[in-house]
PDB file of N, CA and C in Angstrom:
ATOM      1  N   UNK A   1     103.102 119.741  97.130  1.00  0.00           N
ATOM      2  CA  UNK A   1     101.740 120.180  96.977  1.00  0.00           C
ATOM      3  C   UNK A   1     100.778 118.995  96.858  1.00  0.00           C
ATOM      4  N   UNK A   2     101.107 118.035  96.013  1.00  0.00           N
ATOM      5  CA  UNK A   2     100.249 116.863  95.842  1.00  0.00           C
ATOM      6  C   UNK A   2     100.255 116.021  97.112  1.00  0.00           C
ATOM      7  N   UNK A   3     101.406 115.926  97.729  1.00  0.00           N
ATOM      8  CA  UNK A   3     101.490 115.159  98.968  1.00  0.00           C
ATOM      9  C   UNK A   3     100.689 115.810 100.077  1.00  0.00           C
ATOM     10  N   UNK A   4     100.695 117.122 100.128  1.00  0.00           N
ATOM     11  CA  UNK A   4      99.931 117.836 101.160  1.00  0.00           C
ATOM     12  C   UNK A   4      98.431 117.609 100.955  1.00  0.00           C
ATOM     13  N   UNK A   5      97.965 117.605  99.727  1.00  0.00           N
ATOM     14  CA  UNK A   5      96.543 117.365  99.431  1.00  0.00           C
ATOM     15  C   UNK A   5      96.183 115.921  99.803  1.00  0.00           C
ATOM     16  N   UNK A   6      97.080 115.016  99.457  1.00  0.00           N
ATOM     17  CA  UNK A   6      96.819 113.609  99.781  1.00  0.00           C
ATOM     18  C   UNK A   6      96.773 113.399 101.291  1.00  0.00           C
ATOM     19  N   UNK A   7      97.702 114.029 102.006  1.00  0.00           N
ATOM     20  CA  UNK A   7      97.709 113.921 103.470  1.00  0.00           C
ATOM     21  C   UNK A   7      96.434 114.524 104.067  1.00  0.00           C
ATOM     22  N   UNK A   8      95.988 115.652 103.511  1.00  0.00           N
ATOM     23  CA  UNK A   8      94.754 116.282 103.989  1.00  0.00           C
ATOM     24  C   UNK A   8      93.552 115.363 103.770  1.00  0.00           C
ATOM     25  N   UNK A   9      93.493 114.720 102.606  1.00  0.00           N
ATOM     26  CA  UNK A   9      92.388 113.773 102.314  1.00  0.00           C
ATOM     27  C   UNK A   9      92.419 112.611 103.287  1.00  0.00           C
ATOM     28  N   UNK A  10      93.614 112.095 103.562  1.00  0.00           N
ATOM     29  CA  UNK A  10      93.748 110.978 104.500  1.00  0.00           C
ATOM     30  C   UNK A  10      93.312 111.387 105.911  1.00  0.00           C
ATOM     31  N   UNK A  11      93.689 112.594 106.319  1.00  0.00           N
ATOM     32  CA  UNK A  11      93.296 113.083 107.647  1.00  0.00           C
ATOM     33  C   UNK A  11      91.768 113.253 107.726  1.00  0.00           C
ATOM     34  N   UNK A  12      91.179 113.800 106.677  1.00  0.00           N
ATOM     35  CA  UNK A  12      89.712 113.940 106.647  1.00  0.00           C
ATOM     36  C   UNK A  12      89.011 112.594 106.703  1.00  0.00           C
ATOM     37  N   UNK A  13      89.581 111.633 105.952  1.00  0.00           N
ATOM     38  CA  UNK A  13      88.998 110.276 105.943  1.00  0.00           C
ATOM     39  C   UNK A  13      89.113 109.647 107.336  1.00  0.00           C
ATOM     40  N   UNK A  14      90.237 109.868 107.995  1.00  0.00           N
ATOM     41  CA  UNK A  14      90.415 109.300 109.344  1.00  0.00           C
ATOM     42  C   UNK A  14      89.437 109.941 110.322  1.00  0.00           C
ATOM     43  N   UNK A  15      89.225 111.233 110.223  1.00  0.00           N
ATOM     44  CA  UNK A  15      88.271 111.914 111.112  1.00  0.00           C
ATOM     45  C   UNK A  15      86.843 111.444 110.825  1.00  0.00           C
ATOM     46  N   UNK A  16      86.495 111.294 109.549  1.00  0.00           N
ATOM     47  CA  UNK A  16      85.181 110.783 109.184  1.00  0.00           C
ATOM     48  C   UNK A  16      84.977 109.361 109.712  1.00  0.00           C
ATOM     49  N   UNK A  17      85.997 108.519 109.571  1.00  0.00           N
ATOM     50  CA  UNK A  17      85.917 107.151 110.059  1.00  0.00           C
ATOM     51  C   UNK A  17      85.713 107.138 111.568  1.00  0.00           C
ATOM     52  N   UNK A  18      86.446 107.965 112.283  1.00  0.00           N
ATOM     53  CA  UNK A  18      86.301 108.047 113.736  1.00  0.00           C
ATOM     54  C   UNK A  18      84.876 108.483 114.088  1.00  0.00           C
ATOM     55  N   UNK A  19      84.345 109.441 113.367  1.00  0.00           N
ATOM     56  CA  UNK A  19      82.986 109.907 113.614  1.00  0.00           C
ATOM     57  C   UNK A  19      81.972 108.770 113.402  1.00  0.00           C
ATOM     58  N   UNK A  20      82.127 108.012 112.340  1.00  0.00           N
ATOM     59  CA  UNK A  20      81.211 106.904 112.047  1.00  0.00           C
ATOM     60  C   UNK A  20      81.346 105.812 113.104  1.00  0.00           C
ATOM     61  N   UNK A  21      82.542 105.539 113.557  1.00  0.00           N
ATOM     62  CA  UNK A  21      82.753 104.547 114.584  1.00  0.00           C
ATOM     63  C   UNK A  21      82.061 104.991 115.883  1.00  0.00           C
ATOM     64  N   UNK A  22      82.204 106.263 116.226  1.00  0.00           N
ATOM     65  CA  UNK A  22      81.558 106.783 117.449  1.00  0.00           C
ATOM     66  C   UNK A  22      80.045 106.679 117.362  1.00  0.00           C
ATOM     67  N   UNK A  23      79.500 107.003 116.181  1.00  0.00           N
ATOM     68  CA  UNK A  23      78.043 106.886 115.984  1.00  0.00           C
ATOM     69  C   UNK A  23      77.579 105.442 116.129  1.00  0.00           C
ATOM     70  N   UNK A  24      78.328 104.520 115.550  1.00  0.00           N
ATOM     71  CA  UNK A  24      77.966 103.117 115.625  1.00  0.00           C
ATOM     72  C   UNK A  24      78.026 102.596 117.051  1.00  0.00           C
ATOM     73  N   UNK A  25      79.051 102.998 117.786  1.00  0.00           N
ATOM     74  CA  UNK A  25      79.183 102.564 119.170  1.00  0.00           C
ATOM     75  C   UNK A  25      78.041 103.120 120.034  1.00  0.00           C
ATOM     76  N   UNK A  26      77.662 104.352 119.789  1.00  0.00           N
ATOM     77  CA  UNK A  26      76.538 104.950 120.536  1.00  0.00           C
ATOM     78  C   UNK A  26      75.244 104.213 120.230  1.00  0.00           C
ATOM     79  N   UNK A  27      75.044 103.879 118.955  1.00  0.00           N
ATOM     80  CA  UNK A  27      73.847 103.147 118.573  1.00  0.00           C
ATOM     81  C   UNK A  27      73.812 101.770 119.193  1.00  0.00           C
ATOM     82  N   UNK A  28      74.929 101.098 119.220  1.00  0.00           N
ATOM     83  CA  UNK A  28      75.008  99.767 119.840  1.00  0.00           C
ATOM     84  C   UNK A  28      74.763  99.849 121.346  1.00  0.00           C
ATOM     85  N   UNK A  29      75.285 100.865 121.965  1.00  0.00           N
ATOM     86  CA  UNK A  29      75.088 101.044 123.429  1.00  0.00           C
ATOM     87  C   UNK A  29      73.603 101.258 123.715  1.00  0.00           C
ATOM     88  N   UNK A  30      72.937 102.060 122.887  1.00  0.00           N
ATOM     89  CA  UNK A  30      71.494 102.293 123.063  1.00  0.00           C
ATOM     90  C   UNK A  30      70.717 100.984 122.910  1.00  0.00           C
ATOM     91  N   UNK A  31      71.042 100.216 121.879  1.00  0.00           N
ATOM     92  CA  UNK A  31      70.353  98.935 121.649  1.00  0.00           C
ATOM     93  C   UNK A  31      70.609  97.965 122.790  1.00  0.00           C
ATOM     94  N   UNK A  32      71.831  97.942 123.300  1.00  0.00           N
ATOM     95  CA  UNK A  32      72.157  97.046 124.408  1.00  0.00           C
ATOM     96  C   UNK A  32      71.374  97.425 125.641  1.00  0.00           C
ATOM     97  N   UNK A  33      71.222  98.715 125.885  1.00  0.00           N
ATOM     98  CA  UNK A  33      70.459  99.188 127.051  1.00  0.00           C
ATOM     99  C   UNK A  33      69.000  98.776 126.939  1.00  0.00           C
ATOM    100  N   UNK A  34      68.425  98.928 125.754  1.00  0.00           N
ATOM    101  CA  UNK A  34      67.039  98.529 125.534  1.00  0.00           C
ATOM    102  C   UNK A  34      66.890  97.006 125.755  1.00  0.00           C
ATOM    103  N   UNK A  35      67.842  96.261 125.210  1.00  0.00           N
ATOM    104  CA  UNK A  35      67.805  94.795 125.367  1.00  0.00           C
ATOM    105  C   UNK A  35      67.881  94.414 126.834  1.00  0.00           C
ATOM    106  N   UNK A  36      68.778  95.020 127.577  1.00  0.00           N
ATOM    107  CA  UNK A  36      68.922  94.718 129.004  1.00  0.00           C
ATOM    108  C   UNK A  36      67.679  95.078 129.779  1.00  0.00           C
ATOM    109  N   UNK A  37      67.054  96.185 129.431  1.00  0.00           N
ATOM    110  CA  UNK A  37      65.825  96.591 130.120  1.00  0.00           C
ATOM    111  C   UNK A  37      64.713  95.578 129.846  1.00  0.00           C
ATOM    112  N   UNK A  38      64.570  95.185 128.605  1.00  0.00           N
ATOM    113  CA  UNK A  38      63.536  94.196 128.253  1.00  0.00           C
ATOM    114  C   UNK A  38      63.807  92.846 128.911  1.00  0.00           C
ATOM    115  N   UNK A  39      65.061  92.438 128.950  1.00  0.00           N
ATOM    116  CA  UNK A  39      65.397  91.153 129.577  1.00  0.00           C
ATOM    117  C   UNK A  39      65.081  91.192 131.077  1.00  0.00           C
ATOM    118  N   UNK A  40      65.388  92.298 131.722  1.00  0.00           N
ATOM    119  CA  UNK A  40      65.077  92.441 133.146  1.00  0.00           C
ATOM    120  C   UNK A  40      63.566  92.437 133.375  1.00  0.00           C
ATOM    121  N   UNK A  41      62.823  93.134 132.531  1.00  0.00           N
ATOM    122  CA  UNK A  41      61.371  93.145 132.667  1.00  0.00           C
ATOM    123  C   UNK A  41      60.811  91.719 132.504  1.00  0.00           C
ATOM    124  N   UNK A  42      61.316  91.018 131.529  1.00  0.00           N
ATOM    125  CA  UNK A  42      60.851  89.640 131.278  1.00  0.00           C
ATOM    126  C   UNK A  42      61.202  88.742 132.470  1.00  0.00           C
ATOM    127  N   UNK A  43      62.401  88.867 133.005  1.00  0.00           N
ATOM    128  CA  UNK A  43      62.805  88.060 134.157  1.00  0.00           C
ATOM    129  C   UNK A  43      61.943  88.382 135.378  1.00  0.00           C
ATOM    130  N   UNK A  44      61.647  89.674 135.575  1.00  0.00           N
ATOM    131  CA  UNK A  44      60.787  90.062 136.688  1.00  0.00           C
ATOM    132  C   UNK A  44      59.392  89.492 136.520  1.00  0.00           C
ATOM    133  N   UNK A  45      58.859  89.550 135.308  1.00  0.00           N
ATOM    134  CA  UNK A  45      57.529  89.016 135.044  1.00  0.00           C
ATOM    135  C   UNK A  45      57.510  87.498 135.287  1.00  0.00           C
ATOM    136  N   UNK A  46      58.547  86.813 134.836  1.00  0.00           N
ATOM    137  CA  UNK A  46      58.624  85.381 135.030  1.00  0.00           C
ATOM    138  C   UNK A  46      58.666  85.034 136.513  1.00  0.00           C
ATOM    139  N   UNK A  47      59.451  85.800 137.290  1.00  0.00           N
ATOM    140  CA  UNK A  47      59.543  85.574 138.730  1.00  0.00           C
ATOM    141  C   UNK A  47      58.190  85.788 139.410  1.00  0.00           C
ATOM    142  N   UNK A  48      57.457  86.833 139.004  1.00  0.00           N
ATOM    143  CA  UNK A  48      56.141  87.095 139.580  1.00  0.00           C
ATOM    144  C   UNK A  48      55.177  85.942 139.249  1.00  0.00           C
ATOM    145  N   UNK A  49      55.185  85.497 138.007  1.00  0.00           N
ATOM    146  CA  UNK A  49      54.319  84.383 137.606  1.00  0.00           C
ATOM    147  C   UNK A  49      54.693  83.109 138.360  1.00  0.00           C
ATOM    148  N   UNK A  50      55.969  82.858 138.497  1.00  0.00           N
ATOM    149  CA  UNK A  50      56.456  81.683 139.207  1.00  0.00           C
ATOM    150  C   UNK A  50      55.953  81.689 140.671  1.00  0.00           C
ATOM    151  N   UNK A  51      56.133  82.820 141.330  1.00  0.00           N
ATOM    152  CA  UNK A  51      55.708  82.959 142.715  1.00  0.00           C
ATOM    153  C   UNK A  51      54.191  82.867 142.844  1.00  0.00           C
ATOM    154  N   UNK A  52      53.457  83.427 141.896  1.00  0.00           N
ATOM    155  CA  UNK A  52      51.998  83.351 141.947  1.00  0.00           C
ATOM    156  C   UNK A  52      51.539  81.890 141.825  1.00  0.00           C
ATOM    157  N   UNK A  53      52.178  81.129 140.961  1.00  0.00           N
ATOM    158  CA  UNK A  53      51.837  79.736 140.811  1.00  0.00           C
ATOM    159  C   UNK A  53      52.148  78.947 142.090  1.00  0.00           C
ATOM    160  N   UNK A  54      53.306  79.248 142.682  1.00  0.00           N
ATOM    161  CA  UNK A  54      53.659  78.591 143.953  1.00  0.00           C
ATOM    162  C   UNK A  54      52.622  78.902 145.034  1.00  0.00           C
ATOM    163  N   UNK A  55      52.248  80.156 145.130  1.00  0.00           N
ATOM    164  CA  UNK A  55      51.288  80.570 146.157  1.00  0.00           C
ATOM    165  C   UNK A  55      49.899  79.950 145.949  1.00  0.00           C
ATOM    166  N   UNK A  56      49.576  79.669 144.697  1.00  0.00           N
ATOM    167  CA  UNK A  56      48.267  79.064 144.424  1.00  0.00           C
ATOM    168  C   UNK A  56      48.313  77.531 144.528  1.00  0.00           C
ATOM    169  N   UNK A  57      49.492  76.976 144.882  1.00  0.00           N
ATOM    170  CA  UNK A  57      49.601  75.547 145.092  1.00  0.00           C
ATOM    171  C   UNK A  57      49.910  74.758 143.832  1.00  0.00           C
ATOM    172  N   UNK A  58      50.187  75.426 142.733  1.00  0.00           N
ATOM    173  CA  UNK A  58      50.505  74.732 141.468  1.00  0.00           C
ATOM    174  C   UNK A  58      52.012  74.505 141.367  1.00  0.00           C
ATOM    175  N   UNK A  59      52.361  73.566 140.517  1.00  0.00           N
ATOM    176  CA  UNK A  59      53.766  73.304 140.246  1.00  0.00           C
ATOM    177  C   UNK A  59      54.210  74.238 139.111  1.00  0.00           C
ATOM    178  N   UNK A  60      54.993  75.274 139.430  1.00  0.00           N
ATOM    179  CA  UNK A  60      55.380  76.242 138.405  1.00  0.00           C
ATOM    180  C   UNK A  60      56.208  75.629 137.268  1.00  0.00           C
ATOM    181  N   UNK A  61      56.915  74.558 137.564  1.00  0.00           N
ATOM    182  CA  UNK A  61      57.740  73.928 136.506  1.00  0.00           C
ATOM    183  C   UNK A  61      56.864  73.232 135.494  1.00  0.00           C
ATOM    184  N   UNK A  62      55.824  72.560 135.927  1.00  0.00           N
ATOM    185  CA  UNK A  62      54.924  71.872 135.014  1.00  0.00           C
ATOM    186  C   UNK A  62      54.119  72.887 134.186  1.00  0.00           C
ATOM    187  N   UNK A  63      53.641  73.934 134.824  1.00  0.00           N
ATOM    188  CA  UNK A  63      52.868  74.958 134.123  1.00  0.00           C
ATOM    189  C   UNK A  63      53.768  75.708 133.160  1.00  0.00           C
ATOM    190  N   UNK A  64      54.968  76.041 133.594  1.00  0.00           N
ATOM    191  CA  UNK A  64      55.918  76.774 132.753  1.00  0.00           C
ATOM    192  C   UNK A  64      56.298  75.956 131.540  1.00  0.00           C
ATOM    193  N   UNK A  65      56.526  74.659 131.723  1.00  0.00           N
ATOM    194  CA  UNK A  65      56.892  73.786 130.601  1.00  0.00           C
ATOM    195  C   UNK A  65      55.770  73.725 129.590  1.00  0.00           C
ATOM    196  N   UNK A  66      54.524  73.566 130.041  1.00  0.00           N
ATOM    197  CA  UNK A  66      53.383  73.526 129.128  1.00  0.00           C
ATOM    198  C   UNK A  66      53.246  74.862 128.408  1.00  0.00           C
ATOM    199  N   UNK A  67      53.417  75.950 129.135  1.00  0.00           N
ATOM    200  CA  UNK A  67      53.323  77.282 128.576  1.00  0.00           C
ATOM    201  C   UNK A  67      54.398  77.476 127.494  1.00  0.00           C
ATOM    202  N   UNK A  68      55.618  77.036 127.777  1.00  0.00           N
ATOM    203  CA  UNK A  68      56.708  77.183 126.800  1.00  0.00           C
ATOM    204  C   UNK A  68      56.441  76.387 125.536  1.00  0.00           C
ATOM    205  N   UNK A  69      55.961  75.158 125.691  1.00  0.00           N
ATOM    206  CA  UNK A  69      55.667  74.323 124.537  1.00  0.00           C
ATOM    207  C   UNK A  69      54.561  74.945 123.688  1.00  0.00           C
ATOM    208  N   UNK A  70      53.567  75.537 124.333  1.00  0.00           N
ATOM    209  CA  UNK A  70      52.476  76.192 123.607  1.00  0.00           C
ATOM    210  C   UNK A  70      53.021  77.348 122.793  1.00  0.00           C
ATOM    211  N   UNK A  71      53.889  78.158 123.413  1.00  0.00           N
ATOM    212  CA  UNK A  71      54.469  79.283 122.679  1.00  0.00           C
ATOM    213  C   UNK A  71      55.355  78.831 121.520  1.00  0.00           C
ATOM    214  N   UNK A  72      56.098  77.767 121.716  1.00  0.00           N
ATOM    215  CA  UNK A  72      56.933  77.249 120.644  1.00  0.00           C
ATOM    216  C   UNK A  72      56.033  76.797 119.489  1.00  0.00           C
ATOM    217  N   UNK A  73      54.955  76.083 119.793  1.00  0.00           N
ATOM    218  CA  UNK A  73      54.038  75.627 118.769  1.00  0.00           C
ATOM    219  C   UNK A  73      53.433  76.806 118.033  1.00  0.00           C
ATOM    220  N   UNK A  74      52.967  77.814 118.775  1.00  0.00           N
ATOM    221  CA  UNK A  74      52.348  78.979 118.165  1.00  0.00           C
ATOM    222  C   UNK A  74      53.331  79.745 117.310  1.00  0.00           C
ATOM    223  N   UNK A  75      54.567  79.897 117.798  1.00  0.00           N
ATOM    224  CA  UNK A  75      55.583  80.601 117.028  1.00  0.00           C
ATOM    225  C   UNK A  75      55.867  79.893 115.711  1.00  0.00           C
ATOM    226  N   UNK A  76      55.915  78.575 115.746  1.00  0.00           N
ATOM    227  CA  UNK A  76      56.223  77.814 114.542  1.00  0.00           C
ATOM    228  C   UNK A  76      55.049  77.861 113.567  1.00  0.00           C
ATOM    229  N   UNK A  77      53.832  77.741 114.084  1.00  0.00           N
ATOM    230  CA  UNK A  77      52.682  77.625 113.215  1.00  0.00           C
ATOM    231  C   UNK A  77      52.267  78.941 112.571  1.00  0.00           C
ATOM    232  N   UNK A  78      52.662  80.084 113.154  1.00  0.00           N
ATOM    233  CA  UNK A  78      52.253  81.356 112.619  1.00  0.00           C
ATOM    234  C   UNK A  78      53.356  82.143 111.946  1.00  0.00           C
ATOM    235  N   UNK A  79      54.555  81.547 111.886  1.00  0.00           N
ATOM    236  CA  UNK A  79      55.640  82.282 111.253  1.00  0.00           C
ATOM    237  C   UNK A  79      55.881  81.766 109.849  1.00  0.00           C
TER     238      UNK A  79
END
């Protein structure tokens, strides 16, 4: 009788653990999808800016480097 109750508790705990693992995996998958979407949007935006600079006759590497340094400075000074 005691062993049956203990086995039932263990089975319930295993099912609960499986449920929590499934929830966590679903949450991580959702977050990964959002991250991938944002990364793709950012890469697309960067490519458009790069091409626009090329078309306007500017050096996209020089402009991009200055832009990156400005953002690094702003991030440091306001955080």
